[in-house]
Amino acid sequence: MIFLKQFKHIFSFSVAFSASVLFCFSSSLWAGELLVYSSTDADNLKYYMEEFQKDNPDIKVNVVRESTGTMAAKMMAEKDNPQADFLFEMAATVALNMEAEGMFYEYSPIGMGKIDQRYVDKSPPVTWVGNYGWAGCICWNRIEAENLGLPKPKT
């Protein structure tokens, strides 16, 4: 979960997290509008925003969705005058840099103890919560490379 440092609403919040945090806010407390920034894929974003709207029909959600690099550049440009209320899903490598810049508001949501602690900021107070992890790798097929006379990659 990533909380942007601003007070556009009663207190502002932001995240790279799953629906459990989205759902902990009652519509009576959050009636109004939210600006959500996201770098997640469209299908994932659609699902979470629809689920949020079911529990919070009085909140209008405006979403700006961009690639991670574009969104990170936008947020860094807005660092001293943040526009978004909520950041939903950003690569941890980028979000941790933003956290180091002091861009996130500290907040521990209701139900924090139910969240897999592997995905929670280890430095209290919490400024982010993740919802999944992934890894990238390059695989080299030795047999096919030998058949094609290709050398083993070195870098």
Protein backbone atom coordinates (compact mmCIF):
# COMPACT_ATOMS: atom_id res chain seq x y z
CA MET A 1 0.00 0.00 0.00
CA ILE A 2 1.43 3.33 -0.88
CA PHE A 3 0.10 6.50 0.62
CA LEU A 4 0.83 9.78 -1.13
CA LYS A 5 1.86 12.69 1.06
CA GLN A 6 -1.01 15.10 0.64
CA PHE A 7 -4.33 15.96 2.24
CA LYS A 8 -6.75 16.42 -0.63
CA HIS A 9 -9.48 14.60 1.34
CA ILE A 10 -9.84 14.06 5.11
CA PHE A 11 -6.53 12.23 4.84
CA SER A 12 -5.27 10.93 1.59
CA PHE A 13 -4.33 7.41 0.79
CA SER A 14 -2.67 5.51 -1.95
CA VAL A 15 -1.55 1.96 -2.62
CA ALA A 16 0.05 -0.88 -4.44
CA PHE A 17 -2.13 -3.39 -2.70
CA SER A 18 -5.13 -5.62 -2.91
CA ALA A 19 -8.79 -4.94 -2.47
CA SER A 20 -8.88 -5.50 1.28
CA VAL A 21 -7.66 -1.98 1.87
CA LEU A 22 -9.91 -0.53 -0.77
CA PHE A 23 -12.88 -2.09 0.97
CA CYS A 24 -12.07 -0.92 4.48
CA PHE A 25 -13.23 2.63 3.73
CA SER A 26 -16.95 3.16 4.16
CA SER A 27 -18.72 5.23 1.56
CA SER A 28 -20.13 7.52 4.24
CA LEU A 29 -16.59 8.55 5.17
CA TRP A 30 -15.30 8.81 1.62
CA ALA A 31 -18.16 10.30 -0.38
CA GLY A 32 -16.66 12.41 -3.13
CA GLU A 33 -14.00 11.86 -5.75
CA LEU A 34 -10.66 10.08 -5.86
CA LEU A 35 -7.89 10.36 -8.40
CA VAL A 36 -6.13 7.01 -8.74
CA TYR A 37 -2.78 6.57 -10.48
CA SER A 38 -1.88 3.06 -11.58
CA SER A 39 0.66 1.15 -13.62
CA THR A 40 -1.10 -2.21 -13.40
CA ASP A 41 -2.59 -3.96 -16.41
CA ALA A 42 -6.05 -2.86 -17.54
CA ASP A 43 -7.83 -6.10 -16.57
CA ASN A 44 -6.41 -6.07 -13.06
CA LEU A 45 -7.26 -2.40 -12.59
CA LYS A 46 -10.80 -2.90 -13.91
CA TYR A 47 -11.46 -5.75 -11.46
CA TYR A 48 -10.28 -3.85 -8.37
CA MET A 49 -12.01 -0.61 -9.31
CA GLU A 50 -15.31 -2.44 -9.96
CA GLU A 51 -15.05 -4.20 -6.58
CA PHE A 52 -14.29 -0.89 -4.85
CA GLN A 53 -17.29 0.77 -6.54
CA LYS A 54 -19.64 -2.00 -5.34
CA ASP A 55 -18.89 -1.09 -1.73
CA ASN A 56 -18.45 2.65 -2.36
CA PRO A 57 -20.99 3.78 -4.97
CA ASP A 58 -20.91 7.40 -3.73
CA ILE A 59 -17.23 7.79 -4.59
CA LYS A 60 -16.37 8.76 -8.14
CA VAL A 61 -13.06 7.17 -9.10
CA ASN A 62 -11.00 8.82 -11.84
CA VAL A 63 -8.11 6.66 -13.03
CA VAL A 64 -4.91 7.62 -14.81
CA ARG A 65 -3.19 4.46 -16.03
CA GLU A 66 0.28 4.54 -17.55
CA SER A 67 3.31 2.30 -17.87
CA THR A 68 5.54 2.11 -14.79
CA GLY A 69 8.18 4.44 -16.25
CA THR A 70 5.67 7.04 -17.44
CA MET A 71 3.75 6.95 -14.15
CA ALA A 72 6.96 7.20 -12.11
CA ALA A 73 8.08 10.23 -14.14
CA LYS A 74 4.65 11.84 -13.69
CA MET A 75 4.72 11.29 -9.93
CA MET A 76 8.27 12.58 -9.58
CA ALA A 77 7.30 15.71 -11.53
CA GLU A 78 4.36 16.17 -9.14
CA LYS A 79 6.45 15.42 -6.05
CA ASP A 80 6.04 18.90 -4.54
CA ASN A 81 2.41 19.22 -5.63
CA PRO A 82 0.91 15.71 -5.73
CA GLN A 83 -2.31 15.31 -7.69
CA ALA A 84 -3.27 11.66 -7.02
CA ASP A 85 -5.09 10.49 -3.93
CA PHE A 86 -4.22 6.88 -4.43
CA LEU A 87 -1.46 4.88 -6.13
CA PHE A 88 -2.62 1.40 -7.07
CA GLU A 89 0.13 -1.00 -8.07
CA MET A 90 3.57 0.24 -8.92
CA ALA A 91 6.73 -1.80 -9.30
CA ALA A 92 8.37 -2.10 -5.89
CA THR A 93 11.72 -1.00 -7.28
CA VAL A 94 10.18 2.33 -8.27
CA ALA A 95 7.92 2.69 -5.23
CA LEU A 96 10.83 2.17 -2.83
CA ASN A 97 12.69 5.05 -4.49
CA MET A 98 9.62 7.24 -4.03
CA GLU A 99 9.37 6.16 -0.40
CA ALA A 100 13.01 7.19 0.10
CA GLU A 101 12.11 10.61 -1.35
CA GLY A 102 9.43 10.99 1.34
CA MET A 103 6.56 10.90 -1.14
CA PHE A 104 4.26 8.55 0.78
CA TYR A 105 2.01 9.12 3.74
CA GLU A 106 2.33 6.68 6.63
CA TYR A 107 -0.77 4.59 7.25
CA SER A 108 -1.67 1.13 8.55
CA PRO A 109 -5.06 -0.03 7.26
CA ILE A 110 -7.67 -1.92 9.21
CA GLY A 111 -6.95 -5.64 8.89
CA MET A 112 -3.19 -5.19 8.49
CA GLY A 113 -2.59 -8.33 10.54
CA LYS A 114 -4.41 -10.43 7.95
CA ILE A 115 -2.03 -9.42 5.16
CA ASP A 116 0.86 -11.75 4.30
CA GLN A 117 3.75 -10.02 6.06
CA ARG A 118 6.11 -10.75 3.16
CA TYR A 119 4.27 -7.98 1.32
CA VAL A 120 4.29 -5.37 4.09
CA ASP A 121 6.71 -2.51 4.67
CA LYS A 122 9.11 -3.69 7.39
CA SER A 123 9.77 -0.18 8.76
CA PRO A 124 6.94 1.05 10.97
CA PRO A 125 4.91 3.07 10.41
CA VAL A 126 3.83 1.38 7.18
CA THR A 127 3.88 3.39 3.95
CA TRP A 128 3.24 0.56 1.48
CA VAL A 129 1.76 -2.91 1.15
CA GLY A 130 2.27 -5.16 -1.85
CA ASN A 131 -0.27 -7.59 -3.25
CA TYR A 132 1.96 -10.04 -5.10
CA GLY A 133 5.51 -10.63 -6.18
CA TRP A 134 7.09 -11.75 -9.41
CA ALA A 135 10.53 -12.39 -10.77
CA GLY A 136 12.00 -12.15 -14.22
CA CYS A 137 14.67 -14.40 -15.65
CA ILE A 138 16.38 -15.37 -18.87
CA CYS A 139 16.50 -19.07 -19.66
CA TRP A 140 19.10 -20.54 -21.96
CA ASN A 141 18.45 -23.83 -23.71
CA ARG A 142 21.89 -25.46 -23.78
CA ILE A 143 20.82 -28.30 -26.08
CA GLU A 144 19.22 -26.06 -28.71
CA ALA A 145 22.15 -23.62 -28.51
CA GLU A 146 24.62 -26.48 -29.10
CA ASN A 147 22.51 -27.73 -32.05
CA LEU A 148 22.61 -24.23 -33.55
CA GLY A 149 26.26 -23.66 -32.71
CA LEU A 150 25.50 -20.72 -30.40
CA PRO A 151 27.82 -19.81 -27.52
CA LYS A 152 26.64 -19.65 -23.91
CA PRO A 153 25.56 -16.10 -22.96
CA LYS A 154 28.10 -14.32 -20.74
CA THR A 155 26.28 -11.12 -19.79
